[in-house]
PDB file of N, CA and C in Angstrom:
ATOM      1  N   MET A   1     -62.151 -32.693  48.629  1.00  0.00           N
ATOM      2  CA  MET A   1     -63.572 -32.470  48.760  1.00  0.00           C
ATOM      3  C   MET A   1     -64.243 -33.768  49.198  1.00  0.00           C
ATOM      4  N   ARG A   2     -65.110 -33.656  50.197  1.00  0.00           N
ATOM      5  CA  ARG A   2     -65.845 -34.803  50.703  1.00  0.00           C
ATOM      6  C   ARG A   2     -67.167 -34.906  49.960  1.00  0.00           C
ATOM      7  N   TRP A   3     -67.565 -36.105  49.622  1.00  0.00           N
ATOM      8  CA  TRP A   3     -68.812 -36.332  48.897  1.00  0.00           C
ATOM      9  C   TRP A   3     -69.896 -36.750  49.874  1.00  0.00           C
ATOM     10  N   SER A   4     -71.083 -36.167  49.723  1.00  0.00           N
ATOM     11  CA  SER A   4     -72.191 -36.469  50.617  1.00  0.00           C
ATOM     12  C   SER A   4     -72.926 -37.716  50.149  1.00  0.00           C
ATOM     13  N   SER A   5     -73.214 -38.614  51.086  1.00  0.00           N
ATOM     14  CA  SER A   5     -73.950 -39.824  50.743  1.00  0.00           C
ATOM     15  C   SER A   5     -75.397 -39.761  51.209  1.00  0.00           C
ATOM     16  N   ILE A   6     -75.706 -38.875  52.136  1.00  0.00           N
ATOM     17  CA  ILE A   6     -77.059 -38.730  52.660  1.00  0.00           C
ATOM     18  C   ILE A   6     -77.528 -37.320  52.364  1.00  0.00           C
ATOM     19  N   VAL A   7     -78.752 -37.200  51.904  1.00  0.00           N
ATOM     20  CA  VAL A   7     -79.336 -35.878  51.696  1.00  0.00           C
ATOM     21  C   VAL A   7     -80.629 -35.806  52.496  1.00  0.00           C
ATOM     22  N   TYR A   8     -80.730 -34.776  53.344  1.00  0.00           N
ATOM     23  CA  TYR A   8     -81.931 -34.543  54.131  1.00  0.00           C
ATOM     24  C   TYR A   8     -82.746 -33.457  53.451  1.00  0.00           C
ATOM     25  N   ASN A   9     -84.050 -33.607  53.458  1.00  0.00           N
ATOM     26  CA  ASN A   9     -84.939 -32.590  52.911  1.00  0.00           C
ATOM     27  C   ASN A   9     -85.202 -31.521  53.962  1.00  0.00           C
ATOM     28  N   GLU A  10     -85.615 -30.335  53.521  1.00  0.00           N
ATOM     29  CA  GLU A  10     -86.061 -29.315  54.462  1.00  0.00           C
ATOM     30  C   GLU A  10     -87.229 -29.890  55.254  1.00  0.00           C
ATOM     31  N   GLY A  11     -87.219 -29.659  56.541  1.00  0.00           N
ATOM     32  CA  GLY A  11     -88.251 -30.191  57.419  1.00  0.00           C
ATOM     33  C   GLY A  11     -87.879 -31.519  58.063  1.00  0.00           C
ATOM     34  N   ALA A  12     -86.774 -32.128  57.618  1.00  0.00           N
ATOM     35  CA  ALA A  12     -86.343 -33.400  58.214  1.00  0.00           C
ATOM     36  C   ALA A  12     -85.987 -33.192  59.682  1.00  0.00           C
ATOM     37  N   VAL A  13     -86.313 -34.166  60.495  1.00  0.00           N
ATOM     38  CA  VAL A  13     -85.968 -34.140  61.912  1.00  0.00           C
ATOM     39  C   VAL A  13     -84.691 -34.956  62.080  1.00  0.00           C
ATOM     40  N   VAL A  14     -83.682 -34.330  62.674  1.00  0.00           N
ATOM     41  CA  VAL A  14     -82.367 -34.960  62.790  1.00  0.00           C
ATOM     42  C   VAL A  14     -81.852 -34.868  64.223  1.00  0.00           C
ATOM     43  N   GLU A  15     -80.845 -35.691  64.507  1.00  0.00           N
ATOM     44  CA  GLU A  15     -80.205 -35.718  65.811  1.00  0.00           C
ATOM     45  C   GLU A  15     -78.760 -35.256  65.661  1.00  0.00           C
ATOM     46  N   LEU A  16     -78.303 -34.408  66.568  1.00  0.00           N
ATOM     47  CA  LEU A  16     -76.929 -33.925  66.557  1.00  0.00           C
ATOM     48  C   LEU A  16     -76.010 -35.010  67.113  1.00  0.00           C
ATOM     49  N   LEU A  17     -74.932 -35.310  66.413  1.00  0.00           N
ATOM     50  CA  LEU A  17     -74.036 -36.399  66.805  1.00  0.00           C
ATOM     51  C   LEU A  17     -72.936 -35.978  67.771  1.00  0.00           C
ATOM     52  N   ARG A  18     -72.663 -34.676  67.884  1.00  0.00           N
ATOM     53  CA  ARG A  18     -71.622 -34.206  68.800  1.00  0.00           C
ATOM     54  C   ARG A  18     -72.024 -32.854  69.368  1.00  0.00           C
ATOM     55  N   ALA A  19     -71.617 -32.592  70.585  1.00  0.00           N
ATOM     56  CA  ALA A  19     -71.936 -31.316  71.221  1.00  0.00           C
ATOM     57  C   ALA A  19     -71.227 -30.180  70.488  1.00  0.00           C
ATOM     58  N   LEU A  20     -71.911 -29.046  70.385  1.00  0.00           N
ATOM     59  CA  LEU A  20     -71.324 -27.864  69.749  1.00  0.00           C
ATOM     60  C   LEU A  20     -71.595 -26.643  70.612  1.00  0.00           C
ATOM     61  N   SER A  21     -70.578 -25.808  70.766  1.00  0.00           N
ATOM     62  CA  SER A  21     -70.714 -24.574  71.527  1.00  0.00           C
ATOM     63  C   SER A  21     -70.775 -23.395  70.561  1.00  0.00           C
ATOM     64  N   PRO A  22     -71.269 -22.247  71.040  1.00  0.00           N
ATOM     65  CA  PRO A  22     -71.384 -21.075  70.160  1.00  0.00           C
ATOM     66  C   PRO A  22     -70.069 -20.642  69.519  1.00  0.00           C
ATOM     67  N   ASP A  23     -68.941 -20.955  70.118  1.00  0.00           N
ATOM     68  CA  ASP A  23     -67.658 -20.561  69.542  1.00  0.00           C
ATOM     69  C   ASP A  23     -67.113 -21.591  68.543  1.00  0.00           C
ATOM     70  N   SER A  24     -67.928 -22.581  68.168  1.00  0.00           N
ATOM     71  CA  SER A  24     -67.485 -23.635  67.244  1.00  0.00           C
ATOM     72  C   SER A  24     -67.403 -23.165  65.796  1.00  0.00           C
ATOM     73  N   GLY A  25     -68.032 -22.026  65.493  1.00  0.00           N
ATOM     74  CA  GLY A  25     -68.044 -21.535  64.123  1.00  0.00           C
ATOM     75  C   GLY A  25     -69.202 -22.061  63.311  1.00  0.00           C
ATOM     76  N   SER A  26     -70.027 -22.926  63.901  1.00  0.00           N
ATOM     77  CA  SER A  26     -71.168 -23.497  63.195  1.00  0.00           C
ATOM     78  C   SER A  26     -72.445 -22.697  63.416  1.00  0.00           C
ATOM     79  N   PHE A  27     -72.477 -21.844  64.439  1.00  0.00           N
ATOM     80  CA  PHE A  27     -73.687 -21.121  64.816  1.00  0.00           C
ATOM     81  C   PHE A  27     -73.904 -19.876  63.964  1.00  0.00           C
ATOM     82  N   TRP A  28     -75.176 -19.553  63.704  1.00  0.00           N
ATOM     83  CA  TRP A  28     -75.504 -18.228  63.183  1.00  0.00           C
ATOM     84  C   TRP A  28     -75.271 -17.281  64.348  1.00  0.00           C
ATOM     85  N   PRO A  29     -74.508 -16.222  64.175  1.00  0.00           N
ATOM     86  CA  PRO A  29     -74.136 -15.378  65.318  1.00  0.00           C
ATOM     87  C   PRO A  29     -75.306 -14.658  65.978  1.00  0.00           C
ATOM     88  N   GLU A  30     -76.345 -14.342  65.242  1.00  0.00           N
ATOM     89  CA  GLU A  30     -77.441 -13.562  65.810  1.00  0.00           C
ATOM     90  C   GLU A  30     -78.573 -14.415  66.378  1.00  0.00           C
ATOM     91  N   VAL A  31     -78.439 -15.731  66.368  1.00  0.00           N
ATOM     92  CA  VAL A  31     -79.521 -16.602  66.830  1.00  0.00           C
ATOM     93  C   VAL A  31     -78.995 -17.562  67.891  1.00  0.00           C
ATOM     94  N   GLY A  32     -79.673 -17.621  69.006  1.00  0.00           N
ATOM     95  CA  GLY A  32     -79.322 -18.593  70.044  1.00  0.00           C
ATOM     96  C   GLY A  32     -78.074 -18.190  70.783  1.00  0.00           C
ATOM     97  N   GLY A  33     -77.210 -19.132  71.005  1.00  0.00           N
ATOM     98  CA  GLY A  33     -75.988 -18.865  71.719  1.00  0.00           C
ATOM     99  C   GLY A  33     -75.774 -19.810  72.877  1.00  0.00           C
ATOM    100  N   HIS A  34     -76.502 -20.909  72.897  1.00  0.00           N
ATOM    101  CA  HIS A  34     -76.369 -21.914  73.948  1.00  0.00           C
ATOM    102  C   HIS A  34     -75.636 -23.124  73.397  1.00  0.00           C
ATOM    103  N   GLU A  35     -74.880 -23.800  74.271  1.00  0.00           N
ATOM    104  CA  GLU A  35     -74.274 -25.061  73.858  1.00  0.00           C
ATOM    105  C   GLU A  35     -75.394 -26.037  73.521  1.00  0.00           C
ATOM    106  N   ILE A  36     -75.205 -26.793  72.456  1.00  0.00           N
ATOM    107  CA  ILE A  36     -76.184 -27.795  72.055  1.00  0.00           C
ATOM    108  C   ILE A  36     -75.507 -29.151  72.206  1.00  0.00           C
ATOM    109  N   LEU A  37     -76.111 -29.997  73.011  1.00  0.00           N
ATOM    110  CA  LEU A  37     -75.500 -31.278  73.361  1.00  0.00           C
ATOM    111  C   LEU A  37     -75.756 -32.341  72.312  1.00  0.00           C
ATOM    112  N   ALA A  38     -74.854 -33.309  72.251  1.00  0.00           N
ATOM    113  CA  ALA A  38     -75.057 -34.466  71.377  1.00  0.00           C
ATOM    114  C   ALA A  38     -76.381 -35.116  71.749  1.00  0.00           C
ATOM    115  N   GLY A  39     -77.125 -35.533  70.744  1.00  0.00           N
ATOM    116  CA  GLY A  39     -78.432 -36.140  70.966  1.00  0.00           C
ATOM    117  C   GLY A  39     -79.580 -35.157  70.846  1.00  0.00           C
ATOM    118  N   ALA A  40     -79.259 -33.858  70.770  1.00  0.00           N
ATOM    119  CA  ALA A  40     -80.315 -32.861  70.608  1.00  0.00           C
ATOM    120  C   ALA A  40     -81.029 -33.083  69.279  1.00  0.00           C
ATOM    121  N   VAL A  41     -82.330 -32.817  69.274  1.00  0.00           N
ATOM    122  CA  VAL A  41     -83.146 -33.002  68.075  1.00  0.00           C
ATOM    123  C   VAL A  41     -83.405 -31.644  67.449  1.00  0.00           C
ATOM    124  N   GLY A  42     -83.227 -31.568  66.128  1.00  0.00           N
ATOM    125  CA  GLY A  42     -83.440 -30.324  65.403  1.00  0.00           C
ATOM    126  C   GLY A  42     -84.148 -30.571  64.090  1.00  0.00           C
ATOM    127  N   ALA A  43     -84.497 -29.478  63.425  1.00  0.00           N
ATOM    128  CA  ALA A  43     -85.176 -29.554  62.131  1.00  0.00           C
ATOM    129  C   ALA A  43     -84.330 -28.868  61.070  1.00  0.00           C
ATOM    130  N   VAL A  44     -84.199 -29.513  59.922  1.00  0.00           N
ATOM    131  CA  VAL A  44     -83.487 -28.928  58.788  1.00  0.00           C
ATOM    132  C   VAL A  44     -84.351 -27.807  58.220  1.00  0.00           C
ATOM    133  N   VAL A  45     -83.794 -26.582  58.184  1.00  0.00           N
ATOM    134  CA  VAL A  45     -84.548 -25.441  57.672  1.00  0.00           C
ATOM    135  C   VAL A  45     -84.061 -24.984  56.303  1.00  0.00           C
ATOM    136  N   ALA A  46     -82.876 -25.419  55.884  1.00  0.00           N
ATOM    137  CA  ALA A  46     -82.370 -25.081  54.555  1.00  0.00           C
ATOM    138  C   ALA A  46     -81.302 -26.094  54.166  1.00  0.00           C
ATOM    139  N   VAL A  47     -81.193 -26.318  52.856  1.00  0.00           N
ATOM    140  CA  VAL A  47     -80.213 -27.253  52.312  1.00  0.00           C
ATOM    141  C   VAL A  47     -79.402 -26.516  51.256  1.00  0.00           C
ATOM    142  N   TYR A  48     -78.068 -26.615  51.336  1.00  0.00           N
ATOM    143  CA  TYR A  48     -77.179 -25.971  50.376  1.00  0.00           C
ATOM    144  C   TYR A  48     -76.330 -27.019  49.691  1.00  0.00           C
ATOM    145  N   GLY A  49     -76.308 -27.006  48.384  1.00  0.00           N
ATOM    146  CA  GLY A  49     -75.526 -27.965  47.628  1.00  0.00           C
ATOM    147  C   GLY A  49     -76.412 -29.032  47.023  1.00  0.00           C
ATOM    148  N   THR A  50     -75.790 -29.884  46.225  1.00  0.00           N
ATOM    149  CA  THR A  50     -76.510 -30.953  45.537  1.00  0.00           C
ATOM    150  C   THR A  50     -75.672 -32.215  45.601  1.00  0.00           C
ATOM    151  N   ALA A  51     -76.310 -33.317  46.015  1.00  0.00           N
ATOM    152  CA  ALA A  51     -75.608 -34.606  46.014  1.00  0.00           C
ATOM    153  C   ALA A  51     -75.299 -34.976  44.579  1.00  0.00           C
ATOM    154  N   PRO A  52     -74.201 -35.616  44.308  1.00  0.00           N
ATOM    155  CA  PRO A  52     -73.285 -36.234  45.253  1.00  0.00           C
ATOM    156  C   PRO A  52     -72.187 -35.305  45.758  1.00  0.00           C
ATOM    157  N   LEU A  53     -72.243 -34.014  45.438  1.00  0.00           N
ATOM    158  CA  LEU A  53     -71.239 -33.076  45.940  1.00  0.00           C
ATOM    159  C   LEU A  53     -71.512 -32.757  47.397  1.00  0.00           C
ATOM    160  N   GLU A  54     -70.660 -31.942  47.996  1.00  0.00           N
ATOM    161  CA  GLU A  54     -70.848 -31.569  49.396  1.00  0.00           C
ATOM    162  C   GLU A  54     -72.191 -30.881  49.586  1.00  0.00           C
ATOM    163  N   VAL A  55     -72.873 -31.267  50.649  1.00  0.00           N
ATOM    164  CA  VAL A  55     -74.158 -30.683  51.002  1.00  0.00           C
ATOM    165  C   VAL A  55     -74.063 -30.218  52.450  1.00  0.00           C
ATOM    166  N   TYR A  56     -74.566 -29.010  52.712  1.00  0.00           N
ATOM    167  CA  TYR A  56     -74.606 -28.473  54.068  1.00  0.00           C
ATOM    168  C   TYR A  56     -76.041 -28.147  54.422  1.00  0.00           C
ATOM    169  N   TYR A  57     -76.312 -28.161  55.724  1.00  0.00           N
ATOM    170  CA  TYR A  57     -77.675 -27.977  56.218  1.00  0.00           C
ATOM    171  C   TYR A  57     -77.700 -26.895  57.280  1.00  0.00           C
ATOM    172  N   GLU A  58     -78.729 -26.073  57.238  1.00  0.00           N
ATOM    173  CA  GLU A  58     -79.028 -25.172  58.349  1.00  0.00           C
ATOM    174  C   GLU A  58     -80.036 -25.934  59.195  1.00  0.00           C
ATOM    175  N   VAL A  59     -79.681 -26.179  60.459  1.00  0.00           N
ATOM    176  CA  VAL A  59     -80.531 -26.947  61.361  1.00  0.00           C
ATOM    177  C   VAL A  59     -80.854 -26.084  62.572  1.00  0.00           C
ATOM    178  N   GLU A  60     -82.158 -25.983  62.894  1.00  0.00           N
ATOM    179  CA  GLU A  60     -82.590 -25.218  64.064  1.00  0.00           C
ATOM    180  C   GLU A  60     -82.854 -26.169  65.222  1.00  0.00           C
ATOM    181  N   PHE A  61     -82.270 -25.832  66.368  1.00  0.00           N
ATOM    182  CA  PHE A  61     -82.480 -26.587  67.592  1.00  0.00           C
ATOM    183  C   PHE A  61     -83.238 -25.688  68.564  1.00  0.00           C
ATOM    184  N   VAL A  62     -84.259 -26.228  69.213  1.00  0.00           N
ATOM    185  CA  VAL A  62     -85.077 -25.441  70.138  1.00  0.00           C
ATOM    186  C   VAL A  62     -85.122 -26.100  71.512  1.00  0.00           C
ATOM    187  N   ALA A  63     -85.341 -25.269  72.531  1.00  0.00           N
ATOM    188  CA  ALA A  63     -85.501 -25.744  73.907  1.00  0.00           C
ATOM    189  C   ALA A  63     -86.936 -26.228  74.098  1.00  0.00           C
ATOM    190  N   GLU A  64     -87.183 -26.867  75.230  1.00  0.00           N
ATOM    191  CA  GLU A  64     -88.526 -27.364  75.517  1.00  0.00           C
ATOM    192  C   GLU A  64     -89.565 -26.252  75.542  1.00  0.00           C
ATOM    193  N   ASP A  65     -89.157 -25.033  75.906  1.00  0.00           N
ATOM    194  CA  ASP A  65     -90.106 -23.920  75.941  1.00  0.00           C
ATOM    195  C   ASP A  65     -90.320 -23.282  74.565  1.00  0.00           C
ATOM    196  N   GLY A  66     -89.664 -23.817  73.538  1.00  0.00           N
ATOM    197  CA  GLY A  66     -89.837 -23.319  72.174  1.00  0.00           C
ATOM    198  C   GLY A  66     -88.841 -22.256  71.762  1.00  0.00           C
ATOM    199  N   SER A  67     -87.989 -21.806  72.681  1.00  0.00           N
ATOM    200  CA  SER A  67     -87.002 -20.787  72.325  1.00  0.00           C
ATOM    201  C   SER A  67     -85.871 -21.427  71.525  1.00  0.00           C
ATOM    202  N   THR A  68     -85.318 -20.666  70.612  1.00  0.00           N
ATOM    203  CA  THR A  68     -84.245 -21.173  69.760  1.00  0.00           C
ATOM    204  C   THR A  68     -82.938 -21.250  70.528  1.00  0.00           C
ATOM    205  N   LEU A  69     -82.348 -22.443  70.548  1.00  0.00           N
ATOM    206  CA  LEU A  69     -81.024 -22.629  71.139  1.00  0.00           C
ATOM    207  C   LEU A  69     -79.946 -22.197  70.166  1.00  0.00           C
ATOM    208  N   GLY A  70     -80.190 -22.452  68.887  1.00  0.00           N
ATOM    209  CA  GLY A  70     -79.228 -22.078  67.864  1.00  0.00           C
ATOM    210  C   GLY A  70     -79.637 -22.600  66.502  1.00  0.00           C
ATOM    211  N   ILE A  71     -79.176 -21.920  65.480  1.00  0.00           N
ATOM    212  CA  ILE A  71     -79.285 -22.394  64.099  1.00  0.00           C
ATOM    213  C   ILE A  71     -77.855 -22.633  63.656  1.00  0.00           C
ATOM    214  N   LEU A  72     -77.574 -23.866  63.268  1.00  0.00           N
ATOM    215  CA  LEU A  72     -76.208 -24.270  62.951  1.00  0.00           C
ATOM    216  C   LEU A  72     -76.078 -24.681  61.506  1.00  0.00           C
ATOM    217  N   THR A  73     -74.929 -24.406  60.930  1.00  0.00           N
ATOM    218  CA  THR A  73     -74.582 -24.892  59.603  1.00  0.00           C
ATOM    219  C   THR A  73     -73.799 -26.175  59.800  1.00  0.00           C
ATOM    220  N   LEU A  74     -74.348 -27.305  59.311  1.00  0.00           N
ATOM    221  CA  LEU A  74     -73.788 -28.622  59.585  1.00  0.00           C
ATOM    222  C   LEU A  74     -73.645 -29.445  58.318  1.00  0.00           C
ATOM    223  N   SER A  75     -72.774 -30.441  58.375  1.00  0.00           N
ATOM    224  CA  SER A  75     -72.651 -31.399  57.274  1.00  0.00           C
ATOM    225  C   SER A  75     -73.337 -32.695  57.686  1.00  0.00           C
ATOM    226  N   ASP A  76     -73.451 -33.627  56.755  1.00  0.00           N
ATOM    227  CA  ASP A  76     -74.134 -34.878  57.080  1.00  0.00           C
ATOM    228  C   ASP A  76     -73.357 -35.703  58.108  1.00  0.00           C
ATOM    229  N   SER A  77     -72.083 -35.413  58.331  1.00  0.00           N
ATOM    230  CA  SER A  77     -71.320 -36.140  59.348  1.00  0.00           C
ATOM    231  C   SER A  77     -71.637 -35.639  60.756  1.00  0.00           C
ATOM    232  N   ASP A  78     -72.335 -34.500  60.871  1.00  0.00           N
ATOM    233  CA  ASP A  78     -72.698 -33.936  62.173  1.00  0.00           C
ATOM    234  C   ASP A  78     -74.065 -34.389  62.655  1.00  0.00           C
ATOM    235  N   ILE A  79     -74.888 -34.921  61.751  1.00  0.00           N
ATOM    236  CA  ILE A  79     -76.273 -35.244  62.077  1.00  0.00           C
ATOM    237  C   ILE A  79     -76.645 -36.646  61.620  1.00  0.00           C
ATOM    238  N   ALA A  80     -77.692 -37.180  62.224  1.00  0.00           N
ATOM    239  CA  ALA A  80     -78.209 -38.488  61.857  1.00  0.00           C
ATOM    240  C   ALA A  80     -79.728 -38.380  61.761  1.00  0.00           C
ATOM    241  N   PRO A  81     -80.350 -39.200  60.920  1.00  0.00           N
ATOM    242  CA  PRO A  81     -81.812 -39.153  60.816  1.00  0.00           C
ATOM    243  C   PRO A  81     -82.464 -39.621  62.109  1.00  0.00           C
ATOM    244  N   LEU A  82     -83.583 -39.027  62.429  1.00  0.00           N
ATOM    245  CA  LEU A  82     -84.369 -39.467  63.575  1.00  0.00           C
ATOM    246  C   LEU A  82     -85.482 -40.342  63.007  1.00  0.00           C
ATOM    247  N   SER A  83     -85.424 -41.615  63.237  1.00  0.00           N
ATOM    248  CA  SER A  83     -86.400 -42.586  62.722  1.00  0.00           C
ATOM    249  C   SER A  83     -86.487 -42.581  61.200  1.00  0.00           C
ATOM    250  N   GLY A  84     -85.410 -42.192  60.516  1.00  0.00           N
ATOM    251  CA  GLY A  84     -85.392 -42.212  59.056  1.00  0.00           C
ATOM    252  C   GLY A  84     -86.264 -41.163  58.406  1.00  0.00           C
ATOM    253  N   GLU A  85     -86.713 -40.147  59.153  1.00  0.00           N
ATOM    254  CA  GLU A  85     -87.604 -39.127  58.597  1.00  0.00           C
ATOM    255  C   GLU A  85     -86.868 -38.179  57.659  1.00  0.00           C
ATOM    256  N   GLY A  86     -87.564 -37.700  56.634  1.00  0.00           N
ATOM    257  CA  GLY A  86     -87.129 -36.597  55.817  1.00  0.00           C
ATOM    258  C   GLY A  86     -85.956 -36.811  54.901  1.00  0.00           C
ATOM    259  N   ARG A  87     -85.524 -38.038  54.706  1.00  0.00           N
ATOM    260  CA  ARG A  87     -84.400 -38.274  53.808  1.00  0.00           C
ATOM    261  C   ARG A  87     -84.905 -38.315  52.379  1.00  0.00           C
ATOM    262  N   GLY A  88     -84.075 -37.774  51.483  1.00  0.00           N
ATOM    263  CA  GLY A  88     -84.499 -37.721  50.085  1.00  0.00           C
ATOM    264  C   GLY A  88     -83.767 -38.667  49.221  1.00  0.00           C
TER     265      GLY A  88
END
């Protein structure tokens, strides 16, 4: 079991550290369906787990036109804070 060292609050703005495609297993199947590139900015919409145990995040990524690219289930190793926002 991996222990989480960073906890993001709901509403935190984060950056994706690696590209993910819809077949990666991280996507909600009924939402989005576009590849999301490393560096994409998203918002944490839900947090599962409690530090220091494993924590997972539902992160929504949107296109410039506001359409949802995907909602992904991610760990803290997949995302980084954007300007240190929303960390708890």
